[in-house]
Amino acid sequence: DILQGLESLGRASFDLIVLDPPTFSSSKRMRRDFDIQRDAAGLLQRC
């Protein structure tokens, strides 16, 4: 679950990141839903 485990991938570990998220997701396996317009800035800052 990328929204929960992103930081575990390692600080300053990558040169290029591809980020093509869904517009909206509410999978039962995710702890919270995802909305691209609402959450894009926070996700980019974490990346």
ModelCIF file with pLDDT and N, C-alpha, C, O atoms, coordinates in Angstrom:
data_MODEL
#
_entry.id   MODEL 
#
_entity.id                         1 
_entity.type                       polymer 
_entity.pdbx_number_of_molecules   1 
#
_entity_poly.entity_id                      1 
_entity_poly.type                           'polypeptide(L)' 
_entity_poly.nstd_linkage                   no 
_entity_poly.nstd_monomer                   no 
_entity_poly.pdbx_seq_one_letter_code       DILQGLESLGRASFDLIVLDPPTFSSSKRMRRDFDIQRDAAGLLQRC 
_entity_poly.pdbx_seq_one_letter_code_can   DILQGLESLGRASFDLIVLDPPTFSSSKRMRRDFDIQRDAAGLLQRC 
_entity_poly.pdbx_strand_id                 A 
#
loop_
_entity_poly_seq.entity_id 
_entity_poly_seq.num 
_entity_poly_seq.mon_id 
_entity_poly_seq.hetero 
1 1  ASP n 
1 2  ILE n 
1 3  LEU n 
1 4  GLN n 
1 5  GLY n 
1 6  LEU n 
1 7  GLU n 
1 8  SER n 
1 9  LEU n 
1 10 GLY n 
1 11 ARG n 
1 12 ALA n 
1 13 SER n 
1 14 PHE n 
1 15 ASP n 
1 16 LEU n 
1 17 ILE n 
1 18 VAL n 
1 19 LEU n 
1 20 ASP n 
1 21 PRO n 
1 22 PRO n 
1 23 THR n 
1 24 PHE n 
1 25 SER n 
1 26 SER n 
1 27 SER n 
1 28 LYS n 
1 29 ARG n 
1 30 MET n 
1 31 ARG n 
1 32 ARG n 
1 33 ASP n 
1 34 PHE n 
1 35 ASP n 
1 36 ILE n 
1 37 GLN n 
1 38 ARG n 
1 39 ASP n 
1 40 ALA n 
1 41 ALA n 
1 42 GLY n 
1 43 LEU n 
1 44 LEU n 
1 45 GLN n 
1 46 ARG n 
1 47 CYS n 
#
_struct_asym.id          A 
_struct_asym.entity_id   1 
#
loop_
_ma_qa_metric.id 
_ma_qa_metric.mode 
_ma_qa_metric.name 
_ma_qa_metric.software_group_id 
_ma_qa_metric.type 
1 global pLDDT . pLDDT 
2 local  pLDDT . pLDDT 
#
_ma_qa_metric_global.metric_id      1 
_ma_qa_metric_global.metric_value   88.06 
_ma_qa_metric_global.model_id       1 
_ma_qa_metric_global.ordinal_id     1 
#
loop_
_ma_qa_metric_local.label_asym_id 
_ma_qa_metric_local.label_comp_id 
_ma_qa_metric_local.label_seq_id 
_ma_qa_metric_local.metric_id 
_ma_qa_metric_local.metric_value 
_ma_qa_metric_local.model_id 
_ma_qa_metric_local.ordinal_id 
A ASP 1  2 91.00 1 1  
A ILE 2  2 91.00 1 2  
A LEU 3  2 88.00 1 3  
A GLN 4  2 89.00 1 4  
A GLY 5  2 90.00 1 5  
A LEU 6  2 94.00 1 6  
A GLU 7  2 93.00 1 7  
A SER 8  2 95.00 1 8  
A LEU 9  2 96.00 1 9  
A GLY 10 2 94.00 1 10 
A ARG 11 2 94.00 1 11 
A ALA 12 2 94.00 1 12 
A SER 13 2 95.00 1 13 
A PHE 14 2 98.00 1 14 
A ASP 15 2 97.00 1 15 
A LEU 16 2 98.00 1 16 
A ILE 17 2 98.00 1 17 
A VAL 18 2 98.00 1 18 
A LEU 19 2 98.00 1 19 
A ASP 20 2 96.00 1 20 
A PRO 21 2 94.00 1 21 
A PRO 22 2 90.00 1 22 
A THR 23 2 90.00 1 23 
A PHE 24 2 84.00 1 24 
A SER 25 2 76.00 1 25 
A SER 26 2 66.00 1 26 
A SER 27 2 60.00 1 27 
A LYS 28 2 57.00 1 28 
A ARG 29 2 56.00 1 29 
A MET 30 2 55.00 1 30 
A ARG 31 2 61.00 1 31 
A ARG 32 2 68.00 1 32 
A ASP 33 2 82.00 1 33 
A PHE 34 2 86.00 1 34 
A ASP 35 2 91.00 1 35 
A ILE 36 2 94.00 1 36 
A GLN 37 2 95.00 1 37 
A ARG 38 2 94.00 1 38 
A ASP 39 2 93.00 1 39 
A ALA 40 2 95.00 1 40 
A ALA 41 2 95.00 1 41 
A GLY 42 2 94.00 1 42 
A LEU 43 2 95.00 1 43 
A LEU 44 2 96.00 1 44 
A GLN 45 2 94.00 1 45 
A ARG 46 2 95.00 1 46 
A CYS 47 2 96.00 1 47 
#
loop_
_atom_site.group_PDB 
_atom_site.id 
_atom_site.type_symbol 
_atom_site.label_atom_id 
_atom_site.label_alt_id 
_atom_site.label_comp_id 
_atom_site.label_asym_id 
_atom_site.label_entity_id 
_atom_site.label_seq_id 
_atom_site.pdbx_PDB_ins_code 
_atom_site.Cartn_x 
_atom_site.Cartn_y 
_atom_site.Cartn_z 
_atom_site.occupancy 
_atom_site.B_iso_or_equiv 
_atom_site.pdbx_formal_charge 
_atom_site.auth_seq_id 
_atom_site.auth_comp_id 
_atom_site.auth_asym_id 
_atom_site.auth_atom_id 
_atom_site.pdbx_PDB_model_num 
ATOM 1   N N  . ASP A 1 1  ? 0.873   -1.164 0.000   1.00 91.00 ? 1  ASP A N  1 
ATOM 2   C CA . ASP A 1 1  ? 0.000   0.000  0.000   1.00 91.00 ? 1  ASP A CA 1 
ATOM 3   C C  . ASP A 1 1  ? 0.917   1.223  0.000   1.00 91.00 ? 1  ASP A C  1 
ATOM 4   O O  . ASP A 1 1  ? 1.482   1.586  1.032   1.00 91.00 ? 1  ASP A O  1 
ATOM 5   N N  . ILE A 1 2  ? 1.056   1.842  -1.148  1.00 91.00 ? 2  ILE A N  1 
ATOM 6   C CA . ILE A 1 2  ? 2.018   2.926  -1.323  1.00 91.00 ? 2  ILE A CA 1 
ATOM 7   C C  . ILE A 1 2  ? 1.736   4.089  -0.381  1.00 91.00 ? 2  ILE A C  1 
ATOM 8   O O  . ILE A 1 2  ? 2.664   4.732  0.108   1.00 91.00 ? 2  ILE A O  1 
ATOM 9   N N  . LEU A 1 3  ? 0.470   4.359  -0.126  1.00 88.00 ? 3  LEU A N  1 
ATOM 10  C CA . LEU A 1 3  ? 0.123   5.496  0.720   1.00 88.00 ? 3  LEU A CA 1 
ATOM 11  C C  . LEU A 1 3  ? 0.560   5.287  2.166   1.00 88.00 ? 3  LEU A C  1 
ATOM 12  O O  . LEU A 1 3  ? 0.747   6.254  2.904   1.00 88.00 ? 3  LEU A O  1 
ATOM 13  N N  . GLN A 1 4  ? 0.726   4.024  2.577   1.00 89.00 ? 4  GLN A N  1 
ATOM 14  C CA . GLN A 1 4  ? 1.147   3.735  3.947   1.00 89.00 ? 4  GLN A CA 1 
ATOM 15  C C  . GLN A 1 4  ? 2.628   3.403  4.058   1.00 89.00 ? 4  GLN A C  1 
ATOM 16  O O  . GLN A 1 4  ? 3.259   3.734  5.061   1.00 89.00 ? 4  GLN A O  1 
ATOM 17  N N  . GLY A 1 5  ? 3.187   2.758  3.050   1.00 90.00 ? 5  GLY A N  1 
ATOM 18  C CA . GLY A 1 5  ? 4.556   2.247  3.172   1.00 90.00 ? 5  GLY A CA 1 
ATOM 19  C C  . GLY A 1 5  ? 5.614   3.007  2.415   1.00 90.00 ? 5  GLY A C  1 
ATOM 20  O O  . GLY A 1 5  ? 6.742   2.530  2.294   1.00 90.00 ? 5  GLY A O  1 
ATOM 21  N N  . LEU A 1 6  ? 5.281   4.183  1.899   1.00 94.00 ? 6  LEU A N  1 
ATOM 22  C CA . LEU A 1 6  ? 6.204   4.898  1.014   1.00 94.00 ? 6  LEU A CA 1 
ATOM 23  C C  . LEU A 1 6  ? 7.555   5.168  1.657   1.00 94.00 ? 6  LEU A C  1 
ATOM 24  O O  . LEU A 1 6  ? 8.592   4.942  1.034   1.00 94.00 ? 6  LEU A O  1 
ATOM 25  N N  . GLU A 1 7  ? 7.557   5.646  2.890   1.00 93.00 ? 7  GLU A N  1 
ATOM 26  C CA . GLU A 1 7  ? 8.824   6.030  3.533   1.00 93.00 ? 7  GLU A CA 1 
ATOM 27  C C  . GLU A 1 7  ? 9.754   4.844  3.759   1.00 93.00 ? 7  GLU A C  1 
ATOM 28  O O  . GLU A 1 7  ? 10.964  5.023  3.898   1.00 93.00 ? 7  GLU A O  1 
ATOM 29  N N  . SER A 1 8  ? 9.201   3.639  3.795   1.00 95.00 ? 8  SER A N  1 
ATOM 30  C CA . SER A 1 8  ? 10.036  2.458  4.025   1.00 95.00 ? 8  SER A CA 1 
ATOM 31  C C  . SER A 1 8  ? 10.946  2.149  2.841   1.00 95.00 ? 8  SER A C  1 
ATOM 32  O O  . SER A 1 8  ? 11.841  1.311  2.950   1.00 95.00 ? 8  SER A O  1 
ATOM 33  N N  . LEU A 1 9  ? 10.727  2.816  1.715   1.00 96.00 ? 9  LEU A N  1 
ATOM 34  C CA . LEU A 1 9  ? 11.530  2.549  0.523   1.00 96.00 ? 9  LEU A CA 1 
ATOM 35  C C  . LEU A 1 9  ? 12.904  3.209  0.586   1.00 96.00 ? 9  LEU A C  1 
ATOM 36  O O  . LEU A 1 9  ? 13.776  2.904  -0.228  1.00 96.00 ? 9  LEU A O  1 
ATOM 37  N N  . GLY A 1 10 ? 13.102  4.100  1.535   1.00 94.00 ? 10 GLY A N  1 
ATOM 38  C CA . GLY A 1 10 ? 14.449  4.618  1.766   1.00 94.00 ? 10 GLY A CA 1 
ATOM 39  C C  . GLY A 1 10 ? 14.634  6.061  1.356   1.00 94.00 ? 10 GLY A C  1 
ATOM 40  O O  . GLY A 1 10 ? 14.427  6.416  0.195   1.00 94.00 ? 10 GLY A O  1 
ATOM 41  N N  . ARG A 1 11 ? 15.022  6.888  2.297   1.00 94.00 ? 11 ARG A N  1 
ATOM 42  C CA . ARG A 1 11 ? 15.257  8.308  2.047   1.00 94.00 ? 11 ARG A CA 1 
ATOM 43  C C  . ARG A 1 11 ? 16.443  8.492  1.109   1.00 94.00 ? 11 ARG A C  1 
ATOM 44  O O  . ARG A 1 11 ? 17.478  7.846  1.270   1.00 94.00 ? 11 ARG A O  1 
ATOM 45  N N  . ALA A 1 12 ? 16.283  9.385  0.121   1.00 94.00 ? 12 ALA A N  1 
ATOM 46  C CA . ALA A 1 12 ? 17.342  9.720  -0.839  1.00 94.00 ? 12 ALA A CA 1 
ATOM 47  C C  . ALA A 1 12 ? 17.931  8.474  -1.496  1.00 94.00 ? 12 ALA A C  1 
ATOM 48  O O  . ALA A 1 12 ? 19.150  8.330  -1.583  1.00 94.00 ? 12 ALA A O  1 
ATOM 49  N N  . SER A 1 13 ? 17.071  7.585  -1.951  1.00 95.00 ? 13 SER A N  1 
ATOM 50  C CA . SER A 1 13 ? 17.519  6.316  -2.522  1.00 95.00 ? 13 SER A CA 1 
ATOM 51  C C  . SER A 1 13 ? 17.361  6.226  -4.039  1.00 95.00 ? 13 SER A C  1 
ATOM 52  O O  . SER A 1 13 ? 17.855  5.280  -4.653  1.00 95.00 ? 13 SER A O  1 
ATOM 53  N N  . PHE A 1 14 ? 16.670  7.212  -4.660  1.00 98.00 ? 14 PHE A N  1 
ATOM 54  C CA . PHE A 1 14 ? 16.328  7.080  -6.069  1.00 98.00 ? 14 PHE A CA 1 
ATOM 55  C C  . PHE A 1 14 ? 16.683  8.337  -6.852  1.00 98.00 ? 14 PHE A C  1 
ATOM 56  O O  . PHE A 1 14 ? 16.690  9.448  -6.322  1.00 98.00 ? 14 PHE A O  1 
ATOM 57  N N  . ASP A 1 15 ? 16.979  8.125  -8.134  1.00 97.00 ? 15 ASP A N  1 
ATOM 58  C CA . ASP A 1 15 ? 17.262  9.236  -9.042  1.00 97.00 ? 15 ASP A CA 1 
ATOM 59  C C  . ASP A 1 15 ? 16.040  9.635  -9.851  1.00 97.00 ? 15 ASP A C  1 
ATOM 60  O O  . ASP A 1 15 ? 15.888  10.799 -10.219 1.00 97.00 ? 15 ASP A O  1 
ATOM 61  N N  . LEU A 1 16 ? 15.162  8.664  -10.131 1.00 98.00 ? 16 LEU A N  1 
ATOM 62  C CA . LEU A 1 16 ? 13.954  8.915  -10.908 1.00 98.00 ? 16 LEU A CA 1 
ATOM 63  C C  . LEU A 1 16 ? 12.785  8.171  -10.267 1.00 98.00 ? 16 LEU A C  1 
ATOM 64  O O  . LEU A 1 16 ? 12.918  7.019  -9.851  1.00 98.00 ? 16 LEU A O  1 
ATOM 65  N N  . ILE A 1 17 ? 11.651  8.840  -10.195 1.00 98.00 ? 17 ILE A N  1 
ATOM 66  C CA . ILE A 1 17 ? 10.433  8.219  -9.685  1.00 98.00 ? 17 ILE A CA 1 
ATOM 67  C C  . ILE A 1 17 ? 9.330   8.402  -10.719 1.00 98.00 ? 17 ILE A C  1 
ATOM 68  O O  . ILE A 1 17 ? 9.119   9.505  -11.225 1.00 98.00 ? 17 ILE A O  1 
ATOM 69  N N  . VAL A 1 18 ? 8.635   7.325  -11.025 1.00 98.00 ? 18 VAL A N  1 
ATOM 70  C CA . VAL A 1 18 ? 7.437   7.378  -11.875 1.00 98.00 ? 18 VAL A CA 1 
ATOM 71  C C  . VAL A 1 18 ? 6.224   7.301  -10.961 1.00 98.00 ? 18 VAL A C  1 
ATOM 72  O O  . VAL A 1 18 ? 6.092   6.370  -10.167 1.00 98.00 ? 18 VAL A O  1 
ATOM 73  N N  . LEU A 1 19 ? 5.348   8.273  -11.078 1.00 98.00 ? 19 LEU A N  1 
ATOM 74  C CA . LEU A 1 19 ? 4.180   8.358  -10.208 1.00 98.00 ? 19 LEU A CA 1 
ATOM 75  C C  . LEU A 1 19 ? 2.941   8.552  -11.078 1.00 98.00 ? 19 LEU A C  1 
ATOM 76  O O  . LEU A 1 19 ? 2.654   9.660  -11.529 1.00 98.00 ? 19 LEU A O  1 
ATOM 77  N N  . ASP A 1 20 ? 2.219   7.468  -11.305 1.00 96.00 ? 20 ASP A N  1 
ATOM 78  C CA . ASP A 1 20 ? 1.008   7.502  -12.134 1.00 96.00 ? 20 ASP A CA 1 
ATOM 79  C C  . ASP A 1 20 ? -0.135  6.890  -11.332 1.00 96.00 ? 20 ASP A C  1 
ATOM 80  O O  . ASP A 1 20 ? -0.552  5.765  -11.609 1.00 96.00 ? 20 ASP A O  1 
ATOM 81  N N  . PRO A 1 21 ? -0.646  7.622  -10.338 1.00 94.00 ? 21 PRO A N  1 
ATOM 82  C CA . PRO A 1 21 ? -1.660  7.057  -9.432  1.00 94.00 ? 21 PRO A CA 1 
ATOM 83  C C  . PRO A 1 21 ? -3.045  7.056  -10.062 1.00 94.00 ? 21 PRO A C  1 
ATOM 84  O O  . PRO A 1 21 ? -3.277  7.738  -11.060 1.00 94.00 ? 21 PRO A O  1 
ATOM 85  N N  . PRO A 1 22 ? -3.971  6.288  -9.480  1.00 90.00 ? 22 PRO A N  1 
ATOM 86  C CA . PRO A 1 22 ? -5.362  6.322  -9.944  1.00 90.00 ? 22 PRO A CA 1 
ATOM 87  C C  . PRO A 1 22 ? -5.999  7.662  -9.604  1.00 90.00 ? 22 PRO A C  1 
ATOM 88  O O  . PRO A 1 22 ? -5.530  8.378  -8.720  1.00 90.00 ? 22 PRO A O  1 
ATOM 89  N N  . THR A 1 23 ? -7.059  7.988  -10.307 1.00 90.00 ? 23 THR A N  1 
ATOM 90  C CA . THR A 1 23 ? -7.794  9.216  -9.998  1.00 90.00 ? 23 THR A CA 1 
ATOM 91  C C  . THR A 1 23 ? -8.425  9.123  -8.615  1.00 90.00 ? 23 THR A C  1 
ATOM 92  O O  . THR A 1 23 ? -8.404  10.076 -7.836  1.00 90.00 ? 23 THR A O  1 
ATOM 93  N N  . PHE A 1 24 ? -8.982  7.957  -8.333  1.00 84.00 ? 24 PHE A N  1 
ATOM 94  C CA . PHE A 1 24 ? -9.588  7.721  -7.022  1.00 84.00 ? 24 PHE A CA 1 
ATOM 95  C C  . PHE A 1 24 ? -9.460  6.245  -6.705  1.00 84.00 ? 24 PHE A C  1 
ATOM 96  O O  . PHE A 1 24 ? -9.585  5.398  -7.589  1.00 84.00 ? 24 PHE A O  1 
ATOM 97  N N  . SER A 1 25 ? -9.209  5.939  -5.441  1.00 76.00 ? 25 SER A N  1 
ATOM 98  C CA . SER A 1 25 ? -9.140  4.544  -5.023  1.00 76.00 ? 25 SER A CA 1 
ATOM 99  C C  . SER A 1 25 ? -9.680  4.410  -3.614  1.00 76.00 ? 25 SER A C  1 
ATOM 100 O O  . SER A 1 25 ? -9.385  5.214  -2.730  1.00 76.00 ? 25 SER A O  1 
ATOM 101 N N  . SER A 1 26 ? -10.485 3.364  -3.429  1.00 66.00 ? 26 SER A N  1 
ATOM 102 C CA . SER A 1 26 ? -11.003 3.064  -2.091  1.00 66.00 ? 26 SER A CA 1 
ATOM 103 C C  . SER A 1 26 ? -10.907 1.565  -1.836  1.00 66.00 ? 26 SER A C  1 
ATOM 104 O O  . SER A 1 26 ? -11.813 0.967  -1.256  1.00 66.00 ? 26 SER A O  1 
ATOM 105 N N  . SER A 1 27 ? -9.807  0.966  -2.273  1.00 60.00 ? 27 SER A N  1 
ATOM 106 C CA . SER A 1 27 ? -9.600  -0.466 -2.099  1.00 60.00 ? 27 SER A CA 1 
ATOM 107 C C  . SER A 1 27 ? -9.714  -0.852 -0.629  1.00 60.00 ? 27 SER A C  1 
ATOM 108 O O  . SER A 1 27 ? -9.261  -0.123 0.253   1.00 60.00 ? 27 SER A O  1 
ATOM 109 N N  . LYS A 1 28 ? -10.324 -2.008 -0.376  1.00 57.00 ? 28 LYS A N  1 
ATOM 110 C CA . LYS A 1 28 ? -10.459 -2.490 0.996   1.00 57.00 ? 28 LYS A CA 1 
ATOM 111 C C  . LYS A 1 28 ? -9.107  -2.765 1.639   1.00 57.00 ? 28 LYS A C  1 
ATOM 112 O O  . LYS A 1 28 ? -8.998  -2.804 2.865   1.00 57.00 ? 28 LYS A O  1 
ATOM 113 N N  . ARG A 1 29 ? -8.077  -2.956 0.818   1.00 56.00 ? 29 ARG A N  1 
ATOM 114 C CA . ARG A 1 29 ? -6.744  -3.240 1.349   1.00 56.00 ? 29 ARG A CA 1 
ATOM 115 C C  . ARG A 1 29 ? -5.995  -1.965 1.730   1.00 56.00 ? 29 ARG A C  1 
ATOM 116 O O  . ARG A 1 29 ? -4.915  -2.035 2.318   1.00 56.00 ? 29 ARG A O  1 
ATOM 117 N N  . MET A 1 30 ? -6.561  -0.794 1.399   1.00 55.00 ? 30 MET A N  1 
ATOM 118 C CA . MET A 1 30 ? -5.941  0.477  1.767   1.00 55.00 ? 30 MET A CA 1 
ATOM 119 C C  . MET A 1 30 ? -6.555  0.998  3.056   1.00 55.00 ? 30 MET A C  1 
ATOM 120 O O  . MET A 1 30 ? -7.743  0.798  3.312   1.00 55.00 ? 30 MET A O  1 
ATOM 121 N N  . ARG A 1 31 ? -5.750  1.659  3.859   1.00 61.00 ? 31 ARG A N  1 
ATOM 122 C CA . ARG A 1 31 ? -6.245  2.173  5.139   1.00 61.00 ? 31 ARG A CA 1 
ATOM 123 C C  . ARG A 1 31 ? -7.144  3.395  4.956   1.00 61.00 ? 31 ARG A C  1 
ATOM 124 O O  . ARG A 1 31 ? -7.997  3.667  5.801   1.00 61.00 ? 31 ARG A O  1 
ATOM 125 N N  . ARG A 1 32 ? -6.962  4.123  3.872   1.00 68.00 ? 32 ARG A N  1 
ATOM 126 C CA . ARG A 1 32 ? -7.791  5.292  3.602   1.00 68.00 ? 32 ARG A CA 1 
ATOM 127 C C  . ARG A 1 32 ? -7.943  5.423  2.100   1.00 68.00 ? 32 ARG A C  1 
ATOM 128 O O  . ARG A 1 32 ? -7.143  4.890  1.331   1.00 68.00 ? 32 ARG A O  1 
ATOM 129 N N  . ASP A 1 33 ? -8.995  6.152  1.686   1.00 82.00 ? 33 ASP A N  1 
ATOM 130 C CA . ASP A 1 33 ? -9.187  6.333  0.256   1.00 82.00 ? 33 ASP A CA 1 
ATOM 131 C C  . ASP A 1 33 ? -8.186  7.353  -0.288  1.00 82.00 ? 33 ASP A C  1 
ATOM 132 O O  . ASP A 1 33 ? -7.512  8.056  0.465   1.00 82.00 ? 33 ASP A O  1 
ATOM 133 N N  . PHE A 1 34 ? -8.111  7.412  -1.616  1.00 86.00 ? 34 PHE A N  1 
ATOM 134 C CA . PHE A 1 34 ? -7.165  8.307  -2.280  1.00 86.00 ? 34 PHE A CA 1 
ATOM 135 C C  . PHE A 1 34 ? -7.910  9.105  -3.328  1.00 86.00 ? 34 PHE A C  1 
ATOM 136 O O  . PHE A 1 34 ? -8.686  8.548  -4.105  1.00 86.00 ? 34 PHE A O  1 
ATOM 137 N N  . ASP A 1 35 ? -7.678  10.411 -3.352  1.00 91.00 ? 35 ASP A N  1 
ATOM 138 C CA . ASP A 1 35 ? -8.258  11.307 -4.339  1.00 91.00 ? 35 ASP A CA 1 
ATOM 139 C C  . ASP A 1 35 ? -7.120  12.130 -4.939  1.00 91.00 ? 35 ASP A C  1 
ATOM 140 O O  . ASP A 1 35 ? -6.414  12.830 -4.213  1.00 91.00 ? 35 ASP A O  1 
ATOM 141 N N  . ILE A 1 36 ? -6.937  12.052 -6.254  1.00 94.00 ? 36 ILE A N  1 
ATOM 142 C CA . ILE A 1 36 ? -5.758  12.634 -6.881  1.00 94.00 ? 36 ILE A CA 1 
ATOM 143 C C  . ILE A 1 36 ? -5.671  14.146 -6.684  1.00 94.00 ? 36 ILE A C  1 
ATOM 144 O O  . ILE A 1 36 ? -4.590  14.667 -6.414  1.00 94.00 ? 36 ILE A O  1 
ATOM 145 N N  . GLN A 1 37 ? -6.798  14.861 -6.817  1.00 95.00 ? 37 GLN A N  1 
ATOM 146 C CA . GLN A 1 37 ? -6.728  16.306 -6.675  1.00 95.00 ? 37 GLN A CA 1 
ATOM 147 C C  . GLN A 1 37 ? -6.431  16.701 -5.229  1.00 95.00 ? 37 GLN A C  1 
ATOM 148 O O  . GLN A 1 37 ? -5.646  17.615 -4.976  1.00 95.00 ? 37 GLN A O  1 
ATOM 149 N N  . ARG A 1 38 ? -7.052  16.020 -4.302  1.00 94.00 ? 38 ARG A N  1 
ATOM 150 C CA . ARG A 1 38 ? -6.854  16.339 -2.879  1.00 94.00 ? 38 ARG A CA 1 
ATOM 151 C C  . ARG A 1 38 ? -5.462  15.952 -2.393  1.00 94.00 ? 38 ARG A C  1 
ATOM 152 O O  . ARG A 1 38 ? -4.855  16.677 -1.605  1.00 94.00 ? 38 ARG A O  1 
ATOM 153 N N  . ASP A 1 39 ? -4.954  14.809 -2.861  1.00 93.00 ? 39 ASP A N  1 
ATOM 154 C CA . ASP A 1 39 ? -3.769  14.208 -2.248  1.00 93.00 ? 39 ASP A CA 1 
ATOM 155 C C  . ASP A 1 39 ? -2.481  14.355 -3.051  1.00 93.00 ? 39 ASP A C  1 
ATOM 156 O O  . ASP A 1 39 ? -1.423  13.928 -2.590  1.00 93.00 ? 39 ASP A O  1 
ATOM 157 N N  . ALA A 1 40 ? -2.546  14.953 -4.247  1.00 95.00 ? 40 ALA A N  1 
ATOM 158 C CA . ALA A 1 40 ? -1.363  14.990 -5.120  1.00 95.00 ? 40 ALA A CA 1 
ATOM 159 C C  . ALA A 1 40 ? -0.185  15.716 -4.471  1.00 95.00 ? 40 ALA A C  1 
ATOM 160 O O  . ALA A 1 40 ? 0.933   15.202 -4.480  1.00 95.00 ? 40 ALA A O  1 
ATOM 161 N N  . ALA A 1 41 ? -0.418  16.886 -3.917  1.00 95.00 ? 41 ALA A N  1 
ATOM 162 C CA . ALA A 1 41 ? 0.688   17.667 -3.362  1.00 95.00 ? 41 ALA A CA 1 
ATOM 163 C C  . ALA A 1 41 ? 1.382   16.925 -2.229  1.00 95.00 ? 41 ALA A C  1 
ATOM 164 O O  . ALA A 1 41 ? 2.610   16.872 -2.181  1.00 95.00 ? 41 ALA A O  1 
ATOM 165 N N  . GLY A 1 42 ? 0.602   16.353 -1.318  1.00 94.00 ? 42 GLY A N  1 
ATOM 166 C CA . GLY A 1 42 ? 1.194   15.617 -0.215  1.00 94.00 ? 42 GLY A CA 1 
ATOM 167 C C  . GLY A 1 42 ? 1.979   14.410 -0.675  1.00 94.00 ? 42 GLY A C  1 
ATOM 168 O O  . GLY A 1 42 ? 3.050   14.118 -0.143  1.00 94.00 ? 42 GLY A O  1 
ATOM 169 N N  . LEU A 1 43 ? 1.446   13.703 -1.671  1.00 95.00 ? 43 LEU A N  1 
ATOM 170 C CA . LEU A 1 43 ? 2.142   12.524 -2.189  1.00 95.00 ? 43 LEU A CA 1 
ATOM 171 C C  . LEU A 1 43 ? 3.449   12.921 -2.865  1.00 95.00 ? 43 LEU A C  1 
ATOM 172 O O  . LEU A 1 43 ? 4.460   12.238 -2.700  1.00 95.00 ? 43 LEU A O  1 
ATOM 173 N N  . LEU A 1 44 ? 3.441   14.005 -3.616  1.00 96.00 ? 44 LEU A N  1 
ATOM 174 C CA . LEU A 1 44 ? 4.664   14.470 -4.271  1.00 96.00 ? 44 LEU A CA 1 
ATOM 175 C C  . LEU A 1 44 ? 5.709   14.892 -3.234  1.00 96.00 ? 44 LEU A C  1 
ATOM 176 O O  . LEU A 1 44 ? 6.897   14.610 -3.395  1.00 96.00 ? 44 LEU A O  1 
ATOM 177 N N  . GLN A 1 45 ? 5.267   15.559 -2.185  1.00 94.00 ? 45 GLN A N  1 
ATOM 178 C CA . GLN A 1 45 ? 6.211   15.973 -1.137  1.00 94.00 ? 45 GLN A CA 1 
ATOM 179 C C  . GLN A 1 45 ? 6.832   14.761 -0.458  1.00 94.00 ? 45 GLN A C  1 
ATOM 180 O O  . GLN A 1 45 ? 8.016   14.775 -0.122  1.00 94.00 ? 45 GLN A O  1 
ATOM 181 N N  . ARG A 1 46 ? 6.044   13.715 -0.255  1.00 95.00 ? 46 ARG A N  1 
ATOM 182 C CA . ARG A 1 46 ? 6.583   12.491 0.351   1.00 95.00 ? 46 ARG A CA 1 
ATOM 183 C C  . ARG A 1 46 ? 7.556   11.794 -0.596  1.00 95.00 ? 46 ARG A C  1 
ATOM 184 O O  . ARG A 1 46 ? 8.585   11.272 -0.166  1.00 95.00 ? 46 ARG A O  1 
ATOM 185 N N  . CYS A 1 47 ? 7.223   11.791 -1.888  1.00 96.00 ? 47 CYS A N  1 
ATOM 186 C CA . CYS A 1 47 ? 8.135   11.199 -2.871  1.00 96.00 ? 47 CYS A CA 1 
ATOM 187 C C  . CYS A 1 47 ? 9.452   11.965 -2.939  1.00 96.00 ? 47 CYS A C  1 
ATOM 188 O O  . CYS A 1 47 ? 10.337  11.603 -3.715  1.00 96.00 ? 47 CYS A O  1 
#
